[in-house]
Amino acid sequence: MLLAGYVFIRRKNIAAHKACMVTAFALSSLFLLSYLYYHFHHGATRFPGQGWARTIYLSILVSHTVLAVAIVPLVLVTLARAWREQFDRHARIARWTLPLWLYVSVTGVVIYWMLYQIHW
């Protein structure tokens, strides 16, 4: 969704870009709410691996967590600037928001995979 939005804006397809970004925001918000609800009721899950796997997991987890906190205000400011039609300011911050949002999205999947799908 995020990459498609990037491609659409590069091709000057404003309507498709807007639709992708609003959809990405809505889905990300829904995911964040379900994630917070789950962890509020379930608590933390400890990583079962040891050694180098644990080091890699914790490195990814720390960078993911820090950037996940930072991405929330970045996304909100980016969307607000687009909503107010401040497109020059929107584009300047979007250059930072997109790669960070992608990193947080991808590392979230990697963390899930390492935590729940690999049997260490």
PDB file of N, CA and C in Angstrom:
ATOM      1  N   MET A   1       0.836  -1.185   0.000  1.00  0.00           N
ATOM      2  CA  MET A   1       0.000   0.000   0.000  1.00  0.00           C
ATOM      3  C   MET A   1       0.883   1.252   0.000  1.00  0.00           C
ATOM      4  N   LEU A   2       1.879   1.279   0.888  1.00  0.00           N
ATOM      5  CA  LEU A   2       2.756   2.442   0.967  1.00  0.00           C
ATOM      6  C   LEU A   2       3.565   2.630  -0.307  1.00  0.00           C
ATOM      7  N   LEU A   3       4.129   1.540  -0.808  1.00  0.00           N
ATOM      8  CA  LEU A   3       4.926   1.643  -2.033  1.00  0.00           C
ATOM      9  C   LEU A   3       4.059   1.999  -3.236  1.00  0.00           C
ATOM     10  N   ALA A   4       2.854   1.467  -3.268  1.00  0.00           N
ATOM     11  CA  ALA A   4       1.944   1.811  -4.364  1.00  0.00           C
ATOM     12  C   ALA A   4       1.638   3.300  -4.334  1.00  0.00           C
ATOM     13  N   GLY A   5       1.426   3.849  -3.152  1.00  0.00           N
ATOM     14  CA  GLY A   5       1.182   5.285  -3.018  1.00  0.00           C
ATOM     15  C   GLY A   5       2.352   6.100  -3.531  1.00  0.00           C
ATOM     16  N   TYR A   6       3.562   5.633  -3.253  1.00  0.00           N
ATOM     17  CA  TYR A   6       4.764   6.306  -3.739  1.00  0.00           C
ATOM     18  C   TYR A   6       4.815   6.283  -5.269  1.00  0.00           C
ATOM     19  N   VAL A   7       4.536   5.131  -5.836  1.00  0.00           N
ATOM     20  CA  VAL A   7       4.538   5.006  -7.298  1.00  0.00           C
ATOM     21  C   VAL A   7       3.470   5.917  -7.905  1.00  0.00           C
ATOM     22  N   PHE A   8       2.295   5.961  -7.307  1.00  0.00           N
ATOM     23  CA  PHE A   8       1.219   6.799  -7.843  1.00  0.00           C
ATOM     24  C   PHE A   8       1.597   8.281  -7.834  1.00  0.00           C
ATOM     25  N   ILE A   9       2.213   8.747  -6.758  1.00  0.00           N
ATOM     26  CA  ILE A   9       2.555  10.177  -6.705  1.00  0.00           C
ATOM     27  C   ILE A   9       3.665  10.494  -7.689  1.00  0.00           C
ATOM     28  N   ARG A  10       4.585   9.565  -7.902  1.00  0.00           N
ATOM     29  CA  ARG A  10       5.644   9.775  -8.903  1.00  0.00           C
ATOM     30  C   ARG A  10       5.058   9.873 -10.306  1.00  0.00           C
ATOM     31  N   ARG A  11       3.944   9.184 -10.535  1.00  0.00           N
ATOM     32  CA  ARG A  11       3.271   9.223 -11.842  1.00  0.00           C
ATOM     33  C   ARG A  11       2.208  10.320 -11.908  1.00  0.00           C
ATOM     34  N   LYS A  12       2.167  11.146 -10.860  1.00  0.00           N
ATOM     35  CA  LYS A  12       1.220  12.282 -10.780  1.00  0.00           C
ATOM     36  C   LYS A  12      -0.244  11.844 -10.707  1.00  0.00           C
ATOM     37  N   ASN A  13      -0.481  10.631 -10.225  1.00  0.00           N
ATOM     38  CA  ASN A  13      -1.848  10.140 -10.045  1.00  0.00           C
ATOM     39  C   ASN A  13      -2.259  10.454  -8.601  1.00  0.00           C
ATOM     40  N   ILE A  14      -2.699  11.698  -8.396  1.00  0.00           N
ATOM     41  CA  ILE A  14      -2.989  12.215  -7.057  1.00  0.00           C
ATOM     42  C   ILE A  14      -4.120  11.429  -6.377  1.00  0.00           C
ATOM     43  N   ALA A  15      -5.171  11.137  -7.101  1.00  0.00           N
ATOM     44  CA  ALA A  15      -6.326  10.443  -6.508  1.00  0.00           C
ATOM     45  C   ALA A  15      -5.935   9.052  -6.006  1.00  0.00           C
ATOM     46  N   ALA A  16      -5.173   8.320  -6.807  1.00  0.00           N
ATOM     47  CA  ALA A  16      -4.750   6.980  -6.389  1.00  0.00           C
ATOM     48  C   ALA A  16      -3.773   7.067  -5.214  1.00  0.00           C
ATOM     49  N   HIS A  17      -2.884   8.054  -5.230  1.00  0.00           N
ATOM     50  CA  HIS A  17      -1.945   8.260  -4.122  1.00  0.00           C
ATOM     51  C   HIS A  17      -2.714   8.522  -2.827  1.00  0.00           C
ATOM     52  N   LYS A  18      -3.669   9.423  -2.909  1.00  0.00           N
ATOM     53  CA  LYS A  18      -4.470   9.760  -1.727  1.00  0.00           C
ATOM     54  C   LYS A  18      -5.218   8.531  -1.208  1.00  0.00           C
ATOM     55  N   ALA A  19      -5.816   7.767  -2.103  1.00  0.00           N
ATOM     56  CA  ALA A  19      -6.553   6.567  -1.693  1.00  0.00           C
ATOM     57  C   ALA A  19      -5.630   5.560  -1.010  1.00  0.00           C
ATOM     58  N   CYS A  20      -4.437   5.364  -1.561  1.00  0.00           N
ATOM     59  CA  CYS A  20      -3.481   4.429  -0.954  1.00  0.00           C
ATOM     60  C   CYS A  20      -3.036   4.897   0.423  1.00  0.00           C
ATOM     61  N   MET A  21      -2.738   6.170   0.548  1.00  0.00           N
ATOM     62  CA  MET A  21      -2.233   6.682   1.812  1.00  0.00           C
ATOM     63  C   MET A  21      -3.314   6.667   2.902  1.00  0.00           C
ATOM     64  N   VAL A  22      -4.533   7.024   2.532  1.00  0.00           N
ATOM     65  CA  VAL A  22      -5.629   6.983   3.512  1.00  0.00           C
ATOM     66  C   VAL A  22      -5.894   5.536   3.934  1.00  0.00           C
ATOM     67  N   THR A  23      -5.857   4.615   2.981  1.00  0.00           N
ATOM     68  CA  THR A  23      -6.046   3.196   3.297  1.00  0.00           C
ATOM     69  C   THR A  23      -4.914   2.680   4.166  1.00  0.00           C
ATOM     70  N   ALA A  24      -3.670   3.038   3.842  1.00  0.00           N
ATOM     71  CA  ALA A  24      -2.521   2.611   4.657  1.00  0.00           C
ATOM     72  C   ALA A  24      -2.644   3.156   6.076  1.00  0.00           C
ATOM     73  N   PHE A  25      -3.063   4.406   6.207  1.00  0.00           N
ATOM     74  CA  PHE A  25      -3.246   4.995   7.534  1.00  0.00           C
ATOM     75  C   PHE A  25      -4.339   4.272   8.311  1.00  0.00           C
ATOM     76  N   ALA A  26      -5.455   4.005   7.658  1.00  0.00           N
ATOM     77  CA  ALA A  26      -6.571   3.323   8.329  1.00  0.00           C
ATOM     78  C   ALA A  26      -6.166   1.918   8.773  1.00  0.00           C
ATOM     79  N   LEU A  27      -5.505   1.174   7.892  1.00  0.00           N
ATOM     80  CA  LEU A  27      -5.087  -0.188   8.242  1.00  0.00           C
ATOM     81  C   LEU A  27      -4.024  -0.181   9.337  1.00  0.00           C
ATOM     82  N   SER A  28      -3.103   0.755   9.268  1.00  0.00           N
ATOM     83  CA  SER A  28      -2.073   0.862  10.309  1.00  0.00           C
ATOM     84  C   SER A  28      -2.693   1.227  11.652  1.00  0.00           C
ATOM     85  N   SER A  29      -3.668   2.118  11.630  1.00  0.00           N
ATOM     86  CA  SER A  29      -4.353   2.505  12.867  1.00  0.00           C
ATOM     87  C   SER A  29      -5.111   1.325  13.461  1.00  0.00           C
ATOM     88  N   LEU A  30      -5.790   0.581  12.603  1.00  0.00           N
ATOM     89  CA  LEU A  30      -6.514  -0.607  13.052  1.00  0.00           C
ATOM     90  C   LEU A  30      -5.547  -1.627  13.646  1.00  0.00           C
ATOM     91  N   PHE A  31      -4.416  -1.838  12.966  1.00  0.00           N
ATOM     92  CA  PHE A  31      -3.411  -2.759  13.490  1.00  0.00           C
ATOM     93  C   PHE A  31      -2.897  -2.279  14.842  1.00  0.00           C
ATOM     94  N   LEU A  32      -2.563  -0.996  14.968  1.00  0.00           N
ATOM     95  CA  LEU A  32      -2.042  -0.470  16.235  1.00  0.00           C
ATOM     96  C   LEU A  32      -3.037  -0.670  17.365  1.00  0.00           C
ATOM     97  N   LEU A  33      -4.301  -0.399  17.115  1.00  0.00           N
ATOM     98  CA  LEU A  33      -5.319  -0.603  18.146  1.00  0.00           C
ATOM     99  C   LEU A  33      -5.427  -2.073  18.548  1.00  0.00           C
ATOM    100  N   SER A  34      -5.415  -2.980  17.575  1.00  0.00           N
ATOM    101  CA  SER A  34      -5.509  -4.411  17.904  1.00  0.00           C
ATOM    102  C   SER A  34      -4.249  -4.890  18.621  1.00  0.00           C
ATOM    103  N   TYR A  35      -3.089  -4.364  18.224  1.00  0.00           N
ATOM    104  CA  TYR A  35      -1.822  -4.713  18.873  1.00  0.00           C
ATOM    105  C   TYR A  35      -1.838  -4.269  20.341  1.00  0.00           C
ATOM    106  N   LEU A  36      -2.251  -3.033  20.581  1.00  0.00           N
ATOM    107  CA  LEU A  36      -2.298  -2.527  21.952  1.00  0.00           C
ATOM    108  C   LEU A  36      -3.319  -3.301  22.791  1.00  0.00           C
ATOM    109  N   TYR A  37      -4.473  -3.597  22.216  1.00  0.00           N
ATOM    110  CA  TYR A  37      -5.490  -4.374  22.924  1.00  0.00           C
ATOM    111  C   TYR A  37      -4.939  -5.746  23.300  1.00  0.00           C
ATOM    112  N   TYR A  38      -4.308  -6.423  22.341  1.00  0.00           N
ATOM    113  CA  TYR A  38      -3.756  -7.755  22.584  1.00  0.00           C
ATOM    114  C   TYR A  38      -2.720  -7.719  23.703  1.00  0.00           C
ATOM    115  N   HIS A  39      -1.774  -6.793  23.608  1.00  0.00           N
ATOM    116  CA  HIS A  39      -0.700  -6.766  24.599  1.00  0.00           C
ATOM    117  C   HIS A  39      -1.164  -6.261  25.956  1.00  0.00           C
ATOM    118  N   PHE A  40      -2.214  -5.471  25.991  1.00  0.00           N
ATOM    119  CA  PHE A  40      -2.785  -5.059  27.266  1.00  0.00           C
ATOM    120  C   PHE A  40      -3.385  -6.270  27.985  1.00  0.00           C
ATOM    121  N   HIS A  41      -3.999  -7.177  27.240  1.00  0.00           N
ATOM    122  CA  HIS A  41      -4.640  -8.350  27.832  1.00  0.00           C
ATOM    123  C   HIS A  41      -3.703  -9.552  27.956  1.00  0.00           C
ATOM    124  N   HIS A  42      -2.747  -9.662  27.065  1.00  0.00           N
ATOM    125  CA  HIS A  42      -1.864 -10.834  27.036  1.00  0.00           C
ATOM    126  C   HIS A  42      -0.546 -10.584  27.760  1.00  0.00           C
ATOM    127  N   GLY A  43      -0.026  -9.387  27.673  1.00  0.00           N
ATOM    128  CA  GLY A  43       1.278  -9.081  28.250  1.00  0.00           C
ATOM    129  C   GLY A  43       2.393  -9.336  27.245  1.00  0.00           C
ATOM    130  N   ALA A  44       3.598  -9.290  27.727  1.00  0.00           N
ATOM    131  CA  ALA A  44       4.775  -9.459  26.867  1.00  0.00           C
ATOM    132  C   ALA A  44       5.057 -10.939  26.626  1.00  0.00           C
ATOM    133  N   THR A  45       5.668 -11.230  25.498  1.00  0.00           N
ATOM    134  CA  THR A  45       6.108 -12.580  25.161  1.00  0.00           C
ATOM    135  C   THR A  45       7.630 -12.558  25.090  1.00  0.00           C
ATOM    136  N   ARG A  46       8.260 -13.422  25.838  1.00  0.00           N
ATOM    137  CA  ARG A  46       9.722 -13.481  25.835  1.00  0.00           C
ATOM    138  C   ARG A  46      10.221 -14.232  24.605  1.00  0.00           C
ATOM    139  N   PHE A  47      11.347 -13.749  24.073  1.00  0.00           N
ATOM    140  CA  PHE A  47      11.957 -14.396  22.928  1.00  0.00           C
ATOM    141  C   PHE A  47      12.573 -15.718  23.385  1.00  0.00           C
ATOM    142  N   PRO A  48      12.243 -16.835  22.725  1.00  0.00           N
ATOM    143  CA  PRO A  48      12.713 -18.140  23.186  1.00  0.00           C
ATOM    144  C   PRO A  48      14.145 -18.492  22.765  1.00  0.00           C
ATOM    145  N   GLY A  49      14.699 -17.777  21.790  1.00  0.00           N
ATOM    146  CA  GLY A  49      16.037 -18.110  21.287  1.00  0.00           C
ATOM    147  C   GLY A  49      17.148 -17.622  22.205  1.00  0.00           C
ATOM    148  N   GLN A  50      18.340 -18.089  21.929  1.00  0.00           N
ATOM    149  CA  GLN A  50      19.525 -17.711  22.708  1.00  0.00           C
ATOM    150  C   GLN A  50      20.653 -17.315  21.761  1.00  0.00           C
ATOM    151  N   GLY A  51      21.719 -16.770  22.318  1.00  0.00           N
ATOM    152  CA  GLY A  51      22.927 -16.485  21.554  1.00  0.00           C
ATOM    153  C   GLY A  51      22.737 -15.409  20.503  1.00  0.00           C
ATOM    154  N   TRP A  52      23.300 -15.667  19.316  1.00  0.00           N
ATOM    155  CA  TRP A  52      23.277 -14.686  18.227  1.00  0.00           C
ATOM    156  C   TRP A  52      21.865 -14.352  17.787  1.00  0.00           C
ATOM    157  N   ALA A  53      20.958 -15.326  17.833  1.00  0.00           N
ATOM    158  CA  ALA A  53      19.569 -15.092  17.415  1.00  0.00           C
ATOM    159  C   ALA A  53      18.908 -14.074  18.346  1.00  0.00           C
ATOM    160  N   ARG A  54      19.172 -14.198  19.620  1.00  0.00           N
ATOM    161  CA  ARG A  54      18.613 -13.245  20.600  1.00  0.00           C
ATOM    162  C   ARG A  54      19.169 -11.842  20.366  1.00  0.00           C
ATOM    163  N   THR A  55      20.462 -11.745  20.073  1.00  0.00           N
ATOM    164  CA  THR A  55      21.095 -10.453  19.818  1.00  0.00           C
ATOM    165  C   THR A  55      20.479  -9.789  18.591  1.00  0.00           C
ATOM    166  N   ILE A  56      20.305 -10.554  17.532  1.00  0.00           N
ATOM    167  CA  ILE A  56      19.691 -10.014  16.312  1.00  0.00           C
ATOM    168  C   ILE A  56      18.247  -9.588  16.591  1.00  0.00           C
ATOM    169  N   TYR A  57      17.492 -10.453  17.273  1.00  0.00           N
ATOM    170  CA  TYR A  57      16.099 -10.150  17.606  1.00  0.00           C
ATOM    171  C   TYR A  57      15.994  -8.854  18.409  1.00  0.00           C
ATOM    172  N   LEU A  58      16.810  -8.737  19.458  1.00  0.00           N
ATOM    173  CA  LEU A  58      16.733  -7.549  20.309  1.00  0.00           C
ATOM    174  C   LEU A  58      17.166  -6.286  19.564  1.00  0.00           C
ATOM    175  N   SER A  59      18.135  -6.402  18.665  1.00  0.00           N
ATOM    176  CA  SER A  59      18.555  -5.250  17.853  1.00  0.00           C
ATOM    177  C   SER A  59      17.413  -4.768  16.966  1.00  0.00           C
ATOM    178  N   ILE A  60      16.760  -5.708  16.322  1.00  0.00           N
ATOM    179  CA  ILE A  60      15.623  -5.356  15.469  1.00  0.00           C
ATOM    180  C   ILE A  60      14.486  -4.796  16.321  1.00  0.00           C
ATOM    181  N   LEU A  61      14.227  -5.424  17.461  1.00  0.00           N
ATOM    182  CA  LEU A  61      13.134  -4.992  18.330  1.00  0.00           C
ATOM    183  C   LEU A  61      13.349  -3.572  18.842  1.00  0.00           C
ATOM    184  N   VAL A  62      14.555  -3.248  19.265  1.00  0.00           N
ATOM    185  CA  VAL A  62      14.825  -1.908  19.797  1.00  0.00           C
ATOM    186  C   VAL A  62      14.649  -0.858  18.700  1.00  0.00           C
ATOM    187  N   SER A  63      15.249  -1.095  17.532  1.00  0.00           N
ATOM    188  CA  SER A  63      15.109  -0.107  16.452  1.00  0.00           C
ATOM    189  C   SER A  63      13.648   0.016  16.013  1.00  0.00           C
ATOM    190  N   HIS A  64      12.957  -1.093  15.944  1.00  0.00           N
ATOM    191  CA  HIS A  64      11.541  -1.090  15.569  1.00  0.00           C
ATOM    192  C   HIS A  64      10.712  -0.293  16.580  1.00  0.00           C
ATOM    193  N   THR A  65      10.938  -0.538  17.851  1.00  0.00           N
ATOM    194  CA  THR A  65      10.145   0.120  18.898  1.00  0.00           C
ATOM    195  C   THR A  65      10.371   1.626  18.909  1.00  0.00           C
ATOM    196  N   VAL A  66      11.622   2.038  18.844  1.00  0.00           N
ATOM    197  CA  VAL A  66      11.930   3.471  18.848  1.00  0.00           C
ATOM    198  C   VAL A  66      11.302   4.157  17.643  1.00  0.00           C
ATOM    199  N   LEU A  67      11.456   3.557  16.475  1.00  0.00           N
ATOM    200  CA  LEU A  67      10.903   4.169  15.266  1.00  0.00           C
ATOM    201  C   LEU A  67       9.379   4.065  15.208  1.00  0.00           C
ATOM    202  N   ALA A  68       8.808   3.026  15.814  1.00  0.00           N
ATOM    203  CA  ALA A  68       7.345   2.902  15.857  1.00  0.00           C
ATOM    204  C   ALA A  68       6.735   4.037  16.680  1.00  0.00           C
ATOM    205  N   VAL A  69       7.422   4.420  17.739  1.00  0.00           N
ATOM    206  CA  VAL A  69       6.950   5.555  18.541  1.00  0.00           C
ATOM    207  C   VAL A  69       7.104   6.850  17.742  1.00  0.00           C
ATOM    208  N   ALA A  70       8.222   6.999  17.050  1.00  0.00           N
ATOM    209  CA  ALA A  70       8.490   8.222  16.285  1.00  0.00           C
ATOM    210  C   ALA A  70       7.584   8.353  15.062  1.00  0.00           C
ATOM    211  N   ILE A  71       7.172   7.245  14.491  1.00  0.00           N
ATOM    212  CA  ILE A  71       6.413   7.310  13.241  1.00  0.00           C
ATOM    213  C   ILE A  71       5.000   7.849  13.445  1.00  0.00           C
ATOM    214  N   VAL A  72       4.447   7.674  14.623  1.00  0.00           N
ATOM    215  CA  VAL A  72       3.065   8.131  14.853  1.00  0.00           C
ATOM    216  C   VAL A  72       2.936   9.642  14.624  1.00  0.00           C
ATOM    217  N   PRO A  73       3.720  10.479  15.311  1.00  0.00           N
ATOM    218  CA  PRO A  73       3.576  11.914  15.026  1.00  0.00           C
ATOM    219  C   PRO A  73       4.006  12.290  13.597  1.00  0.00           C
ATOM    220  N   LEU A  74       4.997  11.592  13.049  1.00  0.00           N
ATOM    221  CA  LEU A  74       5.415  11.882  11.677  1.00  0.00           C
ATOM    222  C   LEU A  74       4.274  11.643  10.692  1.00  0.00           C
ATOM    223  N   VAL A  75       3.591  10.530  10.841  1.00  0.00           N
ATOM    224  CA  VAL A  75       2.461  10.217   9.952  1.00  0.00           C
ATOM    225  C   VAL A  75       1.350  11.246  10.131  1.00  0.00           C
ATOM    226  N   LEU A  76       1.048  11.589  11.377  1.00  0.00           N
ATOM    227  CA  LEU A  76      -0.021  12.560  11.625  1.00  0.00           C
ATOM    228  C   LEU A  76       0.303  13.932  11.026  1.00  0.00           C
ATOM    229  N   VAL A  77       1.541  14.379  11.173  1.00  0.00           N
ATOM    230  CA  VAL A  77       1.941  15.669  10.591  1.00  0.00           C
ATOM    231  C   VAL A  77       1.914  15.593   9.069  1.00  0.00           C
ATOM    232  N   THR A  78       2.403  14.496   8.517  1.00  0.00           N
ATOM    233  CA  THR A  78       2.412  14.326   7.060  1.00  0.00           C
ATOM    234  C   THR A  78       0.992  14.371   6.506  1.00  0.00           C
ATOM    235  N   LEU A  79       0.088  13.651   7.144  1.00  0.00           N
ATOM    236  CA  LEU A  79      -1.312  13.654   6.691  1.00  0.00           C
ATOM    237  C   LEU A  79      -1.968  15.019   6.883  1.00  0.00           C
ATOM    238  N   ALA A  80      -1.677  15.665   7.994  1.00  0.00           N
ATOM    239  CA  ALA A  80      -2.269  16.984   8.256  1.00  0.00           C
ATOM    240  C   ALA A  80      -1.835  17.993   7.200  1.00  0.00           C
ATOM    241  N   ARG A  81      -0.571  17.936   6.814  1.00  0.00           N
ATOM    242  CA  ARG A  81      -0.085  18.869   5.792  1.00  0.00           C
ATOM    243  C   ARG A  81      -0.743  18.601   4.436  1.00  0.00           C
ATOM    244  N   ALA A  82      -0.954  17.353   4.113  1.00  0.00           N
ATOM    245  CA  ALA A  82      -1.645  17.036   2.864  1.00  0.00           C
ATOM    246  C   ALA A  82      -3.100  17.496   2.936  1.00  0.00           C
ATOM    247  N   TRP A  83      -3.733  17.237   4.072  1.00  0.00           N
ATOM    248  CA  TRP A  83      -5.140  17.614   4.265  1.00  0.00           C
ATOM    249  C   TRP A  83      -5.323  19.126   4.110  1.00  0.00           C
ATOM    250  N   ARG A  84      -4.340  19.906   4.627  1.00  0.00           N
ATOM    251  CA  ARG A  84      -4.405  21.369   4.533  1.00  0.00           C
ATOM    252  C   ARG A  84      -3.883  21.896   3.193  1.00  0.00           C
ATOM    253  N   GLU A  85      -3.538  20.965   2.310  1.00  0.00           N
ATOM    254  CA  GLU A  85      -3.014  21.290   0.983  1.00  0.00           C
ATOM    255  C   GLU A  85      -1.715  22.076   1.035  1.00  0.00           C
ATOM    256  N   GLN A  86      -0.902  21.792   2.034  1.00  0.00           N
ATOM    257  CA  GLN A  86       0.443  22.360   2.146  1.00  0.00           C
ATOM    258  C   GLN A  86       1.406  21.357   1.507  1.00  0.00           C
ATOM    259  N   PHE A  87       1.283  21.190   0.214  1.00  0.00           N
ATOM    260  CA  PHE A  87       1.953  20.084  -0.472  1.00  0.00           C
ATOM    261  C   PHE A  87       3.471  20.193  -0.484  1.00  0.00           C
ATOM    262  N   ASP A  88       4.011  21.403  -0.494  1.00  0.00           N
ATOM    263  CA  ASP A  88       5.468  21.522  -0.434  1.00  0.00           C
ATOM    264  C   ASP A  88       5.994  21.049   0.922  1.00  0.00           C
ATOM    265  N   ARG A  89       5.327  21.448   1.994  1.00  0.00           N
ATOM    266  CA  ARG A  89       5.718  20.992   3.338  1.00  0.00           C
ATOM    267  C   ARG A  89       5.415  19.505   3.522  1.00  0.00           C
ATOM    268  N   HIS A  90       4.312  19.051   2.946  1.00  0.00           N
ATOM    269  CA  HIS A  90       3.938  17.636   2.994  1.00  0.00           C
ATOM    270  C   HIS A  90       5.032  16.777   2.342  1.00  0.00           C
ATOM    271  N   ALA A  91       5.485  17.187   1.176  1.00  0.00           N
ATOM    272  CA  ALA A  91       6.502  16.413   0.454  1.00  0.00           C
ATOM    273  C   ALA A  91       7.819  16.368   1.223  1.00  0.00           C
ATOM    274  N   ARG A  92       8.187  17.483   1.865  1.00  0.00           N
ATOM    275  CA  ARG A  92       9.452  17.503   2.621  1.00  0.00           C
ATOM    276  C   ARG A  92       9.449  16.501   3.778  1.00  0.00           C
ATOM    277  N   ILE A  93       8.350  16.409   4.497  1.00  0.00           N
ATOM    278  CA  ILE A  93       8.318  15.469   5.630  1.00  0.00           C
ATOM    279  C   ILE A  93       8.017  14.048   5.155  1.00  0.00           C
ATOM    280  N   ALA A  94       7.280  13.918   4.063  1.00  0.00           N
ATOM    281  CA  ALA A  94       6.943  12.586   3.537  1.00  0.00           C
ATOM    282  C   ALA A  94       8.201  11.835   3.104  1.00  0.00           C
ATOM    283  N   ARG A  95       9.237  12.566   2.695  1.00  0.00           N
ATOM    284  CA  ARG A  95      10.508  11.919   2.315  1.00  0.00           C
ATOM    285  C   ARG A  95      11.128  11.178   3.490  1.00  0.00           C
ATOM    286  N   TRP A  96      10.836  11.617   4.699  1.00  0.00           N
ATOM    287  CA  TRP A  96      11.306  10.934   5.908  1.00  0.00           C
ATOM    288  C   TRP A  96      10.285   9.911   6.397  1.00  0.00           C
ATOM    289  N   THR A  97       9.020  10.273   6.296  1.00  0.00           N
ATOM    290  CA  THR A  97       7.962   9.416   6.835  1.00  0.00           C
ATOM    291  C   THR A  97       7.886   8.078   6.105  1.00  0.00           C
ATOM    292  N   LEU A  98       7.916   8.093   4.783  1.00  0.00           N
ATOM    293  CA  LEU A  98       7.756   6.854   4.017  1.00  0.00           C
ATOM    294  C   LEU A  98       8.798   5.796   4.364  1.00  0.00           C
ATOM    295  N   PRO A  99      10.110   6.090   4.293  1.00  0.00           N
ATOM    296  CA  PRO A  99      11.066   5.018   4.598  1.00  0.00           C
ATOM    297  C   PRO A  99      10.984   4.535   6.046  1.00  0.00           C
ATOM    298  N   LEU A 100      10.703   5.442   6.970  1.00  0.00           N
ATOM    299  CA  LEU A 100      10.580   5.007   8.365  1.00  0.00           C
ATOM    300  C   LEU A 100       9.336   4.145   8.571  1.00  0.00           C
ATOM    301  N   TRP A 101       8.236   4.528   7.946  1.00  0.00           N
ATOM    302  CA  TRP A 101       6.999   3.752   8.032  1.00  0.00           C
ATOM    303  C   TRP A 101       7.206   2.369   7.416  1.00  0.00           C
ATOM    304  N   LEU A 102       7.887   2.309   6.295  1.00  0.00           N
ATOM    305  CA  LEU A 102       8.189   1.019   5.674  1.00  0.00           C
ATOM    306  C   LEU A 102       9.070   0.164   6.582  1.00  0.00           C
ATOM    307  N   TYR A 103      10.100   0.767   7.166  1.00  0.00           N
ATOM    308  CA  TYR A 103      10.991   0.029   8.065  1.00  0.00           C
ATOM    309  C   TYR A 103      10.209  -0.548   9.245  1.00  0.00           C
ATOM    310  N   VAL A 104       9.370   0.277   9.855  1.00  0.00           N
ATOM    311  CA  VAL A 104       8.572  -0.189  10.998  1.00  0.00           C
ATOM    312  C   VAL A 104       7.635  -1.312  10.568  1.00  0.00           C
ATOM    313  N   SER A 105       7.024  -1.184   9.408  1.00  0.00           N
ATOM    314  CA  SER A 105       6.110  -2.226   8.919  1.00  0.00           C
ATOM    315  C   SER A 105       6.836  -3.543   8.676  1.00  0.00           C
ATOM    316  N   VAL A 106       7.963  -3.479   7.993  1.00  0.00           N
ATOM    317  CA  VAL A 106       8.707  -4.698   7.655  1.00  0.00           C
ATOM    318  C   VAL A 106       9.313  -5.333   8.908  1.00  0.00           C
ATOM    319  N   THR A 107       9.919  -4.523   9.765  1.00  0.00           N
ATOM    320  CA  THR A 107      10.526  -5.108  10.972  1.00  0.00           C
ATOM    321  C   THR A 107       9.468  -5.666  11.921  1.00  0.00           C
ATOM    322  N   GLY A 108       8.271  -5.116  11.889  1.00  0.00           N
ATOM    323  CA  GLY A 108       7.191  -5.691  12.689  1.00  0.00           C
ATOM    324  C   GLY A 108       6.880  -7.113  12.268  1.00  0.00           C
ATOM    325  N   VAL A 109       6.850  -7.339  10.964  1.00  0.00           N
ATOM    326  CA  VAL A 109       6.615  -8.689  10.443  1.00  0.00           C
ATOM    327  C   VAL A 109       7.793  -9.601  10.790  1.00  0.00           C
ATOM    328  N   VAL A 110       9.009  -9.093  10.672  1.00  0.00           N
ATOM    329  CA  VAL A 110      10.201  -9.886  11.010  1.00  0.00           C
ATOM    330  C   VAL A 110      10.184 -10.272  12.490  1.00  0.00           C
ATOM    331  N   ILE A 111       9.828  -9.341  13.351  1.00  0.00           N
ATOM    332  CA  ILE A 111       9.751  -9.624  14.787  1.00  0.00           C
ATOM    333  C   ILE A 111       8.707 -10.700  15.058  1.00  0.00           C
ATOM    334  N   TYR A 112       7.525 -10.569  14.459  1.00  0.00           N
ATOM    335  CA  TYR A 112       6.484 -11.588  14.617  1.00  0.00           C
ATOM    336  C   TYR A 112       7.002 -12.943  14.164  1.00  0.00           C
ATOM    337  N   TRP A 113       7.611 -12.969  13.006  1.00  0.00           N
ATOM    338  CA  TRP A 113       8.142 -14.203  12.428  1.00  0.00           C
ATOM    339  C   TRP A 113       9.165 -14.836  13.369  1.00  0.00           C
ATOM    340  N   MET A 114      10.102 -14.015  13.856  1.00  0.00           N
ATOM    341  CA  MET A 114      11.135 -14.539  14.756  1.00  0.00           C
ATOM    342  C   MET A 114      10.549 -15.006  16.084  1.00  0.00           C
ATOM    343  N   LEU A 115       9.519 -14.333  16.565  1.00  0.00           N
ATOM    344  CA  LEU A 115       8.948 -14.636  17.870  1.00  0.00           C
ATOM    345  C   LEU A 115       8.002 -15.835  17.840  1.00  0.00           C
ATOM    346  N   TYR A 116       7.213 -15.951  16.782  1.00  0.00           N
ATOM    347  CA  TYR A 116       6.142 -16.955  16.771  1.00  0.00           C
ATOM    348  C   TYR A 116       6.271 -18.044  15.716  1.00  0.00           C
ATOM    349  N   GLN A 117       7.039 -17.823  14.658  1.00  0.00           N
ATOM    350  CA  GLN A 117       7.054 -18.785  13.570  1.00  0.00           C
ATOM    351  C   GLN A 117       8.317 -19.655  13.509  1.00  0.00           C
ATOM    352  N   ILE A 118       9.415 -19.136  14.015  1.00  0.00           N
ATOM    353  CA  ILE A 118      10.643 -19.926  14.019  1.00  0.00           C
ATOM    354  C   ILE A 118      10.709 -20.667  15.348  1.00  0.00           C
ATOM    355  N   HIS A 119      10.996 -21.937  15.277  1.00  0.00           N
ATOM    356  CA  HIS A 119      11.105 -22.752  16.505  1.00  0.00           C
ATOM    357  C   HIS A 119      12.573 -22.877  16.855  1.00  0.00           C
ATOM    358  N   TRP A 120      13.023 -22.026  17.741  1.00  0.00           N
ATOM    359  CA  TRP A 120      14.426 -21.936  18.110  1.00  0.00           C
ATOM    360  C   TRP A 120      14.778 -23.144  18.909  1.00  0.00           C
TER     361      TRP A 120
END
